[in-house]
Structure formats: structure tokens, C-alpha cells
Amino acid sequence: TTRLVFTSTKSTLHSACGTKTANGNGFWLSPPSIAPTQFPTLATQVAQVYERQGQFQQAEQCFLQGNAWKNAVNMYRQANQWEDACRVARTEGGLDAFQRVGFSWAVALGGEQGLELLLYKLKLHPQAVD
């Protein structure tokens, strides 16, 4: 089951995507019933709330539970947190996804710095990113 948390100090809706209220003033509610097909949509919506608040780790957890790992990757890319974007891409999308995100990071850096990133930090060789 999915739990929703409302806190008395914030108007933020929290989900049981692996998070708990920090202040102890919240209370747990069990929703009437959520069809399993609705859970990914709910988890993604909650993740977007966390993302807007800058709570990226919580957002990532919810995106992953909602089977929306690409949203988590894009969130980290937009926040310029490329290492986290690469981590999620590799873990959830495999080597191909990791290479694509790594290449995007290198392009964002540009020039020699981007090439060094590809070759030394990410250990991607030119044939891997053709």
C-alpha cells in the first residue's frame, strides 16, 4: 500500500517513497485504494514535488519507484549533478544509457576538459561514443 503524509508545518504532500517526516508533526494516512497501475503516476507526481523543492535524493527514490528513471537522470542533468545522472543511468538503464549521459556531460563541459572526462574519469573510449 501507499501512504501519504501531511505535515502541520508544511503544505507539502509526502509519499512513502522511502521518506519520513522530519519533525514528527505529521501523521500517516492510508489512501482508500490505489490501483497498481496508478502507482507509477502518483510516485512520479510526488517526485516532481520533491524536485521543485530541491530534494533530489527523495525525488530520485520516487522516480525509481514510479519506473521513471529517465526523469531522475534528467533532473540531475538539469541541476548540473552529472555524477548522479551517470550513476542512475548506469544502474537503471545499463551501459548504453550511461554512455549517452557521459557523452552529454562531456559535451556540456566542452573542449579538452570534456575529452579528459570521457577518457579518464568515465573511461569511455572514442569508439564507445561514436
Protein backbone atom coordinates (compact mmCIF):
# COMPACT_ATOMS: atom_id res chain seq x y z
CA THR A 1 0.00 0.00 0.00
CA THR A 2 0.99 3.61 -0.49
CA ARG A 3 0.98 6.02 2.41
CA LEU A 4 0.54 9.75 2.19
CA VAL A 5 1.90 12.08 4.84
CA PHE A 6 0.66 15.56 5.60
CA THR A 7 2.73 17.73 7.90
CA SER A 8 1.34 20.51 10.02
CA THR A 9 4.30 22.81 9.34
CA LYS A 10 4.37 22.44 5.57
CA SER A 11 1.68 22.12 2.96
CA THR A 12 3.82 19.59 1.15
CA LEU A 13 2.48 16.19 0.32
CA HIS A 14 4.95 13.45 1.05
CA SER A 15 4.79 9.87 -0.12
CA ALA A 16 6.11 6.71 1.39
CA CYS A 17 8.73 6.53 -1.35
CA GLY A 18 11.26 5.78 1.35
CA THR A 19 10.83 9.08 3.19
CA LYS A 20 9.54 10.09 6.59
CA THR A 21 8.57 13.39 8.13
CA ALA A 22 11.48 15.13 9.83
CA ASN A 23 9.57 16.99 12.52
CA GLY A 24 7.31 14.31 13.90
CA ASN A 25 4.22 16.50 13.49
CA GLY A 26 3.00 14.54 10.51
CA PHE A 27 0.50 11.73 10.54
CA TRP A 28 0.15 8.79 8.21
CA LEU A 29 -2.93 8.29 6.09
CA SER A 30 -3.77 5.26 4.06
CA PRO A 31 -5.48 6.22 0.82
CA PRO A 32 -8.78 4.49 0.08
CA SER A 33 -7.13 2.29 -2.53
CA ILE A 34 -4.75 2.96 -5.34
CA ALA A 35 -4.75 0.63 -8.27
CA PRO A 36 -1.29 -0.75 -9.02
CA THR A 37 -1.50 0.87 -12.44
CA GLN A 38 -1.91 4.30 -10.79
CA PHE A 39 1.14 3.99 -8.51
CA PRO A 40 3.78 4.98 -11.11
CA THR A 41 1.84 8.16 -11.90
CA LEU A 42 1.43 9.01 -8.20
CA ALA A 43 5.09 8.29 -7.45
CA THR A 44 6.19 10.48 -10.37
CA GLN A 45 3.94 13.33 -9.25
CA VAL A 46 5.35 13.16 -5.73
CA ALA A 47 8.88 13.05 -7.18
CA GLN A 48 8.18 16.26 -9.09
CA VAL A 49 7.18 17.97 -5.84
CA TYR A 50 10.45 16.88 -4.25
CA GLU A 51 12.36 18.01 -7.33
CA ARG A 52 10.83 21.52 -7.19
CA GLN A 53 11.88 21.70 -3.53
CA GLY A 54 15.44 20.70 -4.39
CA GLN A 55 15.17 17.40 -2.51
CA PHE A 56 16.80 15.39 -5.26
CA GLN A 57 17.50 12.16 -3.38
CA GLN A 58 13.88 11.84 -2.31
CA ALA A 59 12.76 12.72 -5.84
CA GLU A 60 15.08 10.06 -7.25
CA GLN A 61 13.63 7.40 -4.96
CA CYS A 62 10.11 8.26 -6.07
CA PHE A 63 11.03 8.43 -9.75
CA LEU A 64 12.60 4.99 -9.49
CA GLN A 65 9.60 3.55 -7.71
CA GLY A 66 7.45 5.02 -10.45
CA ASN A 67 9.62 3.35 -13.12
CA ALA A 68 10.67 6.80 -14.36
CA TRP A 69 14.46 6.54 -14.07
CA LYS A 70 14.92 8.76 -17.13
CA ASN A 71 13.13 11.56 -15.27
CA ALA A 72 15.64 11.15 -12.42
CA VAL A 73 18.53 11.34 -14.89
CA ASN A 74 17.10 14.49 -16.48
CA MET A 75 16.53 16.06 -13.06
CA TYR A 76 20.19 15.57 -12.16
CA ARG A 77 21.33 16.81 -15.59
CA GLN A 78 19.31 19.99 -15.24
CA ALA A 79 20.72 20.52 -11.74
CA ASN A 80 24.25 20.04 -13.13
CA GLN A 81 24.72 16.97 -10.92
CA TRP A 82 26.24 14.87 -13.66
CA GLU A 83 27.80 12.20 -11.45
CA ASP A 84 24.38 11.38 -10.02
CA ALA A 85 22.88 11.40 -13.53
CA CYS A 86 25.55 8.92 -14.66
CA ARG A 87 25.03 6.73 -11.59
CA VAL A 88 21.28 6.44 -12.15
CA ALA A 89 21.72 5.92 -15.89
CA ARG A 90 24.22 3.09 -15.36
CA THR A 91 22.26 1.42 -12.58
CA GLU A 92 18.84 1.67 -14.17
CA GLY A 93 19.50 1.95 -17.90
CA GLY A 94 22.68 -0.01 -18.37
CA LEU A 95 25.90 0.74 -20.21
CA ASP A 96 24.27 2.36 -23.24
CA ALA A 97 22.37 4.86 -21.09
CA PHE A 98 25.50 5.56 -19.06
CA GLN A 99 27.49 6.25 -22.23
CA ARG A 100 24.85 8.64 -23.56
CA VAL A 101 24.71 10.62 -20.32
CA GLY A 102 28.50 10.63 -20.05
CA PHE A 103 28.79 11.93 -23.59
CA SER A 104 26.24 14.68 -22.85
CA TRP A 105 28.28 15.66 -19.79
CA ALA A 106 31.45 15.84 -21.88
CA VAL A 107 29.71 17.99 -24.50
CA ALA A 108 28.43 20.30 -21.74
CA LEU A 109 31.99 20.71 -20.46
CA GLY A 110 33.40 21.08 -23.95
CA GLY A 111 36.94 21.04 -25.28
CA GLU A 112 39.83 19.37 -23.56
CA GLN A 113 38.02 19.14 -20.24
CA GLY A 114 35.20 17.15 -21.86
CA LEU A 115 37.66 14.84 -23.61
CA GLU A 116 39.53 14.20 -20.35
CA LEU A 117 36.24 13.39 -18.66
CA LEU A 118 35.39 10.83 -21.31
CA LEU A 119 38.76 9.16 -21.41
CA TYR A 120 39.95 9.23 -17.80
CA LYS A 121 37.05 9.67 -15.40
CA LEU A 122 34.30 7.83 -17.26
CA LYS A 123 36.74 5.55 -19.11
CA LEU A 124 34.75 5.87 -22.32
CA HIS A 125 36.83 5.47 -25.44
CA PRO A 126 36.03 7.32 -28.66
CA GLN A 127 34.53 4.23 -30.32
CA ALA A 128 32.09 3.94 -27.40
CA VAL A 129 30.62 7.37 -28.10
CA ASP A 130 30.53 7.42 -31.91
